[in-house]
Each structure stands twice: as C-alpha cells, then as structure tokens.
Amino acid sequence: MRVVFVGLVLLSGANGFGQEIRGPIANPAPGVLDGVYVQEHIPTKKVIPYEFVREADVTWSKRVWRVIDLREKFNHPLYYPLDELEQPQDEIIWKKNPTRWSLWTILRHHVITGDITVYSPFSTEWAAWKDGDLFKYPLTPATVGMGPTGTFQTDSVFRNYLKEGFLGQTDYSKQLEAIKSVEYPDEDSMVNSEVQYYPRDFTWYTSKDIVQYKVKEDWFFDKERSVQDVRVLGICPVAYDIDNTTGAIKGFKELFWVYFPECRYVFQNFFVQSAHNDAQRMSFDDLFWKRMYQSYIIKESNIYDREIESYKAGIDALLEAEKIKDKIFIFEHDLWSF
C-alpha cells in the first residue's frame, strides 16, 4: 500500500507544481508513470536572468556572427528529431515527437502562435538591404500592412503571410489558371465577384530543410565582475535556396531572425536529448548558455564592415575564422597573466 500511495503522490505532483507546464512531455493514461520519476524540471523551468551590465563597466567588446552547421554530427541535437508533414484531403497534419522537438519545430510552432516575434532578414521596402540581424523589421499584423477592410490584417491573414514568405516556399514558376465554372463552362468561376484560381505549389519547411543557423553574439569584459562574458542576441534559420525551374541549389537563404532574449522564455521548457545519459537532459536555453554546439565565425565587427568570405575563400576563410576565435581567447588569457 505504501508503494501505491507514493506512486499516486508522485503522479499527482506532476500537475501540482503551481507552474505552467510547456513543451512536449509524455502524457500517459491516469495512474501510469512513464519512467521511474516525474520529469518536472525542464517542463516547469524558469528563465535564469542575465547579470545586469552597465556600459561603464564594459572595457572591451567584440561583436561576432557565427554559423552552426546542422550537417555536423555534434550539432544533431538541434536538428533531430525530424518532423513529418502529411496533407490528406487538403488537411495539414504535423507528425511530431511527443516528448521532444527540434529547434526548427519549436520556432515554427511558436512563431505561428505568436509567442516569438519574427524579424525580416531584409528591408521590407528595399530587399537589397540585408540588415535583418539589427531587428529593425518586426513582422506583426500591425507592421505588415493594412487589410482589405481598412483595418490591420487579421491573425489568419497574417499567418498566411508568414507561411508563404518565411515558413515555406511557393513555386511561382507555374502560371495561375482560373477555375472553370460548373454551371457556365465557357466562363471563369466567380465567387464574391472575384475569379478563383488554382493555387501554386506550396511546400512547408520542415526540420530536414533547415541546414544552418546563423548566430549573432556579443563578447565583452565586465570589470565589475572581472569576467569575460558572451550574450547571444539573435538566431536565424537558414535553408537551401532552390531554383523552382531546375531544382538546383543556388545557395543559402536566410528565412528570418528571432531575438534570442525573447526566445529564452520558450526554449527553457523544451528537452534536448543527451547522446549518453537520458537523466542529464537539458533545455535549449541551457544548450545555448553552455554553448554546446560546433560553429565557425563568418564575421566580426571591423572597420570595413565586411564578412570573411569577401576577402578569404575556402580553407583560408576557415583559418581566418580560427584566427578571430584565438584572438578572443588570447585577450581573456592575457588578462590573468602574472
């Protein structure tokens, strides 16, 4: 009886923390504990606040842009598990892991629900200006534009805008064809005085389509605490830029930027799978806090405001990235030389 009583107490405790439970967690039938203990830490975790930093206390800083390549094995915790998409009879069904999601699945879900603000990677007025990492162009119903009724666009219209422009890809190579009316075969179908067209082919981006993440971060030395610290400022998912006509890969395409301090409130409640110990799971916020990923530098703040690829190529670009990383390490090392 004692064992049963303790088990019931543990099961009832999963819903008795008084905190919001977020993220995908196992939800077995009542009276069933899928494991030997209740996993309450990550689903109810709160964000660890950053230390307050004054401008007067920062004696040195360097801004760095990195790329996390998901094709590297060490970065697979950000890439897997892959979600799948089924569209039976014009109905979209996402097949997701019940206990953990990939980073892209988390971003896509919370962008659609409005928990995370999306920032356009380029100027909404002049596409040649790719300064989205400055978080200047937030995409909200109020900033996207006015709706047909003279008011701001509704949530459904805004979601469709995000879906076609940032969460998926539309094949514009096919010409729109008007649907013929059943009653009047010689005329185009008219609904609400507007001609209805066959939609172009649209493809959602799934986890397997995301090949990189760009990361913007600031390194700085805080003399108040006598530490060198780093703060991630933004993340940008990157997919292949595919030619709709030939299907060839033309390069990489930035989808959107998200402000990392805002994302922390979402990332804190999602599990990251450990490769060696299931009892040592961490959240995605912990992963970025501990910097448990492989990356290479593509740009540092410099006089010319140029990326490494503009003056180095191939192995020379990688060596230049390592030189920048070593320069940051040597700066901290020299601070404590006696």
Protein backbone atom coordinates (compact mmCIF):
# COMPACT_ATOMS: atom_id res chain seq x y z
CA MET A 1 0.00 0.00 0.00
CA ARG A 2 2.87 2.37 0.72
CA VAL A 3 4.33 1.87 -2.74
CA VAL A 4 0.98 2.58 -4.38
CA PHE A 5 0.48 5.64 -2.18
CA VAL A 6 3.90 7.06 -3.04
CA GLY A 7 3.28 6.44 -6.75
CA LEU A 8 -0.04 8.29 -6.59
CA VAL A 9 1.61 11.19 -4.80
CA LEU A 10 4.28 11.40 -7.49
CA LEU A 11 1.70 11.26 -10.26
CA SER A 12 -0.45 13.93 -8.67
CA GLY A 13 2.65 16.07 -8.13
CA ALA A 14 3.17 16.41 -11.89
CA ASN A 15 0.14 18.68 -12.04
CA GLY A 16 0.60 20.30 -8.66
CA PHE A 17 3.66 22.47 -9.13
CA GLY A 18 1.63 25.65 -9.47
CA GLN A 19 3.65 26.49 -12.59
CA GLU A 20 2.88 26.45 -16.28
CA ILE A 21 3.95 23.23 -17.99
CA ARG A 22 5.14 23.88 -21.54
CA GLY A 23 6.82 21.86 -24.20
CA PRO A 24 6.13 18.32 -25.41
CA ILE A 25 6.05 15.88 -22.49
CA ALA A 26 4.81 12.31 -22.14
CA ASN A 27 1.13 12.18 -21.29
CA PRO A 28 0.25 8.59 -20.38
CA ALA A 29 -3.08 7.39 -19.06
CA PRO A 30 -4.07 8.30 -15.49
CA GLY A 31 -2.25 6.21 -12.93
CA VAL A 32 0.68 5.48 -15.28
CA LEU A 33 4.17 6.91 -14.76
CA ASP A 34 6.24 6.58 -17.94
CA GLY A 35 9.56 6.25 -16.11
CA VAL A 36 10.88 5.95 -12.58
CA TYR A 37 10.40 9.61 -11.62
CA VAL A 38 8.39 12.65 -12.64
CA GLN A 39 10.33 14.84 -15.07
CA GLU A 40 9.28 18.18 -13.68
CA HIS A 41 12.49 20.22 -14.00
CA ILE A 42 12.54 21.22 -17.68
CA PRO A 43 8.75 21.48 -18.31
CA THR A 44 8.35 23.91 -15.40
CA LYS A 45 11.73 25.61 -15.55
CA LYS A 46 12.02 29.40 -15.25
CA VAL A 47 14.49 31.55 -17.16
CA ILE A 48 17.75 32.29 -15.36
CA PRO A 49 18.14 36.07 -15.62
CA TYR A 50 21.27 37.60 -17.08
CA GLU A 51 23.58 39.59 -14.84
CA PHE A 52 22.96 43.32 -15.14
CA VAL A 53 25.76 45.04 -17.07
CA ARG A 54 26.44 48.77 -17.07
CA GLU A 55 28.01 50.45 -20.09
CA ALA A 56 30.66 51.99 -17.82
CA ASP A 57 31.75 48.51 -16.68
CA VAL A 58 32.36 47.15 -20.20
CA THR A 59 36.00 47.86 -21.00
CA TRP A 60 36.20 45.67 -24.14
CA SER A 61 33.64 44.15 -26.51
CA LYS A 62 33.55 42.42 -29.87
CA ARG A 63 30.53 41.50 -31.97
CA VAL A 64 30.69 38.17 -33.78
CA TRP A 65 28.47 36.34 -36.28
CA ARG A 66 28.65 32.55 -36.40
CA VAL A 67 27.19 29.68 -38.39
CA ILE A 68 26.00 26.45 -36.76
CA ASP A 69 26.07 23.81 -39.49
CA LEU A 70 23.44 21.17 -38.71
CA ARG A 71 25.17 18.69 -41.02
CA GLU A 72 27.89 18.30 -38.38
CA LYS A 73 27.26 15.37 -36.06
CA PHE A 74 27.90 17.38 -32.90
CA ASN A 75 25.02 19.71 -33.84
CA HIS A 76 22.46 16.96 -34.38
CA PRO A 77 20.65 17.70 -31.07
CA LEU A 78 19.48 20.93 -32.75
CA TYR A 79 18.48 19.10 -35.95
CA TYR A 80 16.69 15.98 -34.71
CA PRO A 81 14.05 14.65 -34.34
CA LEU A 82 12.72 15.37 -37.81
CA ASP A 83 9.05 16.26 -38.07
CA GLU A 84 6.95 14.98 -40.96
CA LEU A 85 4.10 16.52 -42.87
CA GLU A 86 1.05 14.82 -44.30
CA GLN A 87 -1.67 16.54 -46.32
CA PRO A 88 -4.61 14.15 -46.75
CA GLN A 89 -7.61 15.82 -48.42
CA ASP A 90 -6.33 19.38 -48.04
CA GLU A 91 -5.71 18.86 -44.32
CA ILE A 92 -2.29 19.53 -42.82
CA ILE A 93 -1.11 17.03 -40.19
CA TRP A 94 2.21 17.54 -38.43
CA LYS A 95 3.76 14.34 -37.07
CA LYS A 96 5.96 15.41 -34.17
CA ASN A 97 7.83 13.59 -31.45
CA PRO A 98 5.63 13.50 -28.31
CA THR A 99 8.45 14.30 -25.85
CA ARG A 100 10.96 16.48 -27.70
CA TRP A 101 11.11 18.73 -30.75
CA SER A 102 13.87 20.00 -32.97
CA LEU A 103 14.82 23.67 -32.78
CA TRP A 104 13.02 24.41 -36.05
CA THR A 105 9.80 22.74 -34.87
CA ILE A 106 9.89 24.88 -31.72
CA LEU A 107 10.47 28.07 -33.70
CA ARG A 108 7.81 27.36 -36.32
CA HIS A 109 5.17 26.41 -33.75
CA HIS A 110 5.70 29.46 -31.55
CA VAL A 111 6.01 31.84 -34.48
CA ILE A 112 2.58 30.73 -35.68
CA THR A 113 1.10 31.03 -32.18
CA GLY A 114 2.60 34.50 -31.75
CA ASP A 115 4.89 33.66 -28.81
CA ILE A 116 8.00 34.59 -30.82
CA THR A 117 8.32 37.72 -32.96
CA VAL A 118 9.74 37.26 -36.45
CA TYR A 119 12.09 39.86 -37.93
CA SER A 120 12.50 40.07 -41.69
CA PRO A 121 16.07 39.33 -42.90
CA PHE A 122 15.90 42.25 -45.33
CA SER A 123 14.29 45.64 -45.55
CA THR A 124 10.57 45.47 -46.24
CA GLU A 125 10.95 48.46 -48.58
CA TRP A 126 14.29 47.70 -50.22
CA ALA A 127 15.15 43.99 -50.40
CA ALA A 128 18.80 44.69 -51.23
CA TRP A 129 19.39 45.87 -47.67
CA LYS A 130 20.01 42.66 -45.74
CA ASP A 131 20.21 44.07 -42.24
CA GLY A 132 17.65 41.87 -40.54
CA ASP A 133 20.09 40.99 -37.76
CA LEU A 134 19.52 44.51 -36.41
CA PHE A 135 15.91 43.51 -35.62
CA LYS A 136 14.58 46.56 -37.47
CA TYR A 137 11.70 44.92 -39.33
CA PRO A 138 9.34 43.07 -36.96
CA LEU A 139 6.60 41.16 -38.75
CA THR A 140 3.33 41.67 -36.90
CA PRO A 141 -0.26 42.28 -38.07
CA ALA A 142 0.34 45.98 -37.36
CA THR A 143 3.59 46.28 -39.34
CA VAL A 144 2.89 44.07 -42.34
CA GLY A 145 0.21 46.36 -43.77
CA MET A 146 -3.44 47.26 -43.89
CA GLY A 147 -6.09 44.70 -44.66
CA PRO A 148 -8.79 44.99 -47.34
CA THR A 149 -11.32 46.39 -44.85
CA GLY A 150 -9.13 49.30 -43.82
CA THR A 151 -8.09 47.72 -40.52
CA PHE A 152 -4.96 45.82 -39.63
CA GLN A 153 -4.74 42.34 -41.06
CA THR A 154 -6.41 39.59 -39.06
CA ASP A 155 -4.41 36.83 -37.41
CA SER A 156 -5.41 34.32 -40.10
CA VAL A 157 -4.30 36.62 -42.93
CA PHE A 158 -1.08 37.39 -41.09
CA ARG A 159 -0.35 33.68 -40.53
CA ASN A 160 -0.79 33.03 -44.25
CA TYR A 161 1.66 35.85 -44.94
CA LEU A 162 4.23 34.27 -42.63
CA LYS A 163 3.57 30.81 -44.02
CA GLU A 164 4.18 31.73 -47.65
CA GLY A 165 7.01 34.18 -47.10
CA PHE A 166 9.04 32.75 -44.23
CA LEU A 167 7.84 29.30 -43.10
CA GLY A 168 7.59 27.70 -46.52
CA GLN A 169 8.30 28.10 -50.20
CA THR A 170 5.90 28.74 -53.06
CA ASP A 171 6.64 27.58 -56.59
CA TYR A 172 5.96 30.65 -58.72
CA SER A 173 7.12 29.01 -61.95
CA LYS A 174 3.62 27.70 -62.68
CA GLN A 175 1.14 30.12 -64.17
CA LEU A 176 -2.15 30.69 -62.35
CA GLU A 177 -5.13 29.18 -64.13
CA ALA A 178 -8.70 30.27 -63.50
CA ILE A 179 -11.12 27.57 -62.34
CA LYS A 180 -13.92 26.98 -64.85
CA SER A 181 -17.48 27.31 -63.64
CA VAL A 182 -19.57 24.13 -63.45
CA GLU A 183 -22.81 25.87 -64.45
CA TYR A 184 -21.20 28.00 -67.13
CA PRO A 185 -18.27 26.06 -68.64
CA ASP A 186 -17.39 28.87 -71.02
CA GLU A 187 -16.79 31.36 -68.21
CA ASP A 188 -14.45 31.56 -65.26
CA SER A 189 -15.87 30.76 -61.83
CA MET A 190 -16.93 33.89 -59.98
CA VAL A 191 -17.13 33.87 -56.19
CA ASN A 192 -17.74 37.15 -54.40
CA SER A 193 -17.05 38.90 -57.71
CA GLU A 194 -13.50 37.55 -57.75
CA VAL A 195 -12.06 34.95 -60.12
CA GLN A 196 -10.90 31.83 -58.26
CA TYR A 197 -7.54 30.38 -59.33
CA TYR A 198 -5.73 27.12 -58.86
CA PRO A 199 -3.14 27.73 -56.14
CA ARG A 200 0.54 27.45 -56.92
CA ASP A 201 2.50 24.60 -55.34
CA PHE A 202 3.42 25.42 -51.73
CA THR A 203 5.88 23.48 -49.57
CA TRP A 204 6.28 23.88 -45.81
CA TYR A 205 9.79 23.98 -44.42
CA THR A 206 10.32 21.01 -42.11
CA SER A 207 13.25 20.21 -39.85
CA LYS A 208 15.17 18.43 -42.59
CA ASP A 209 15.10 21.58 -44.76
CA ILE A 210 17.00 23.67 -42.20
CA VAL A 211 20.72 23.19 -42.78
CA GLN A 212 22.23 26.04 -40.75
CA TYR A 213 21.58 28.59 -38.02
CA LYS A 214 23.25 31.96 -38.02
CA VAL A 215 24.00 33.32 -34.57
CA LYS A 216 24.75 36.92 -33.62
CA GLU A 217 26.54 37.39 -30.30
CA ASP A 218 28.48 39.94 -28.25
CA TRP A 219 31.67 39.12 -26.35
CA PHE A 220 32.60 41.61 -23.63
CA PHE A 221 34.69 42.05 -20.49
CA ASP A 222 32.83 43.20 -17.41
CA LYS A 223 35.24 44.83 -14.95
CA GLU A 224 32.58 44.87 -12.22
CA ARG A 225 32.56 41.07 -12.11
CA SER A 226 36.07 40.66 -13.61
CA VAL A 227 34.82 38.15 -16.18
CA GLN A 228 34.70 37.84 -19.92
CA ASP A 229 31.15 37.01 -20.91
CA VAL A 230 29.13 36.38 -24.06
CA ARG A 231 25.46 37.01 -24.88
CA VAL A 232 23.60 35.54 -27.84
CA LEU A 233 21.48 38.27 -29.41
CA GLY A 234 19.77 36.62 -32.37
CA ILE A 235 19.27 33.39 -34.30
CA CYS A 236 18.45 32.96 -37.99
CA PRO A 237 17.41 29.62 -39.56
CA VAL A 238 18.94 29.06 -42.99
CA ALA A 239 17.64 26.77 -45.75
CA TYR A 240 18.80 25.91 -49.25
CA ASP A 241 17.81 28.40 -51.93
CA ILE A 242 16.39 26.09 -54.61
CA ASP A 243 15.64 27.07 -58.19
CA ASN A 244 11.97 26.33 -58.86
CA THR A 245 12.62 25.61 -62.53
CA THR A 246 15.63 23.29 -62.39
CA GLY A 247 15.54 22.17 -58.76
CA ALA A 248 19.22 23.05 -58.40
CA ILE A 249 20.61 24.54 -55.20
CA LYS A 250 21.61 28.15 -55.81
CA GLY A 251 22.96 28.81 -52.32
CA PHE A 252 21.62 29.51 -48.86
CA LYS A 253 18.62 31.61 -47.88
CA GLU A 254 18.03 33.33 -44.55
CA LEU A 255 14.42 32.73 -43.51
CA PHE A 256 14.02 35.18 -40.63
CA TRP A 257 15.70 36.46 -37.47
CA VAL A 258 14.43 36.00 -33.92
CA TYR A 259 15.52 37.93 -30.83
CA PHE A 260 17.19 35.39 -28.54
CA PRO A 261 16.34 37.02 -25.15
CA GLU A 262 12.67 36.69 -26.17
CA CYS A 263 13.14 33.08 -27.31
CA ARG A 264 14.64 32.07 -23.98
CA TYR A 265 11.18 32.04 -22.41
CA VAL A 266 10.20 29.36 -24.93
CA PHE A 267 13.47 27.41 -25.20
CA GLN A 268 13.66 26.87 -21.43
CA ASN A 269 10.83 24.29 -21.44
CA PHE A 270 11.93 22.02 -24.29
CA PHE A 271 14.15 18.98 -23.84
CA VAL A 272 17.44 18.45 -25.65
CA GLN A 273 18.31 14.78 -25.98
CA SER A 274 21.62 13.69 -24.46
CA ALA A 275 23.67 11.24 -26.50
CA HIS A 276 24.98 9.39 -23.45
CA ASN A 277 22.69 9.87 -20.44
CA ASP A 278 18.90 10.26 -20.51
CA ALA A 279 18.97 11.54 -16.92
CA GLN A 280 21.10 14.52 -17.93
CA ARG A 281 18.68 16.23 -20.27
CA MET A 282 18.95 19.97 -20.65
CA SER A 283 16.78 22.64 -22.23
CA PHE A 284 17.57 24.51 -25.44
CA ASP A 285 18.25 27.58 -23.33
CA ASP A 286 20.85 25.56 -21.40
CA LEU A 287 22.41 24.40 -24.67
CA PHE A 288 22.98 27.96 -25.86
CA TRP A 289 24.01 29.11 -22.39
CA LYS A 290 26.68 26.37 -22.23
CA ARG A 291 27.49 26.81 -25.95
CA MET A 292 27.26 23.08 -26.60
CA TYR A 293 27.47 23.29 -30.38
CA GLN A 294 30.10 23.48 -33.09
CA SER A 295 30.27 26.69 -35.12
CA TYR A 296 32.58 28.81 -37.20
CA ILE A 297 32.84 32.59 -37.43
CA ILE A 298 31.74 34.32 -40.63
CA LYS A 299 32.14 37.93 -39.50
CA GLU A 300 33.44 40.12 -36.71
CA SER A 301 32.84 43.81 -36.13
CA ASN A 302 35.51 45.57 -38.19
CA ILE A 303 36.39 48.87 -39.81
CA TYR A 304 35.38 47.72 -43.29
CA ASP A 305 32.11 46.09 -42.13
CA ARG A 306 32.84 43.09 -44.31
CA GLU A 307 32.39 39.36 -43.92
CA ILE A 308 35.27 36.92 -44.11
CA GLU A 309 34.08 35.49 -47.42
CA SER A 310 34.56 38.91 -49.06
CA TYR A 311 38.36 38.65 -48.74
CA LYS A 312 39.04 34.98 -47.99
CA ALA A 313 37.81 31.76 -49.57
CA GLY A 314 37.88 28.05 -48.85
CA ILE A 315 40.36 26.86 -46.25
CA ASP A 316 41.72 30.39 -45.90
CA ALA A 317 38.31 31.57 -44.68
CA LEU A 318 38.25 28.83 -42.02
CA LEU A 319 41.76 29.76 -40.93
CA GLU A 320 40.70 33.40 -40.67
CA ALA A 321 37.72 32.37 -38.53
CA GLU A 322 40.04 30.42 -36.22
CA LYS A 323 42.33 33.45 -36.01
CA ILE A 324 39.43 35.60 -34.80
CA LYS A 325 38.44 32.97 -32.23
CA ASP A 326 42.01 32.71 -30.98
CA LYS A 327 42.21 36.50 -30.68
CA ILE A 328 39.22 36.50 -28.30
CA PHE A 329 40.72 33.63 -26.30
CA ILE A 330 44.14 35.28 -26.06
CA PHE A 331 42.57 38.53 -24.84
CA GLU A 332 41.00 36.74 -21.87
CA HIS A 333 44.15 34.71 -21.27
CA ASP A 334 46.35 37.81 -21.13
CA LEU A 335 44.09 39.40 -18.53
CA TRP A 336 45.14 36.77 -16.00
CA SER A 337 48.84 36.52 -16.85
CA PHE A 338 51.16 37.23 -13.94
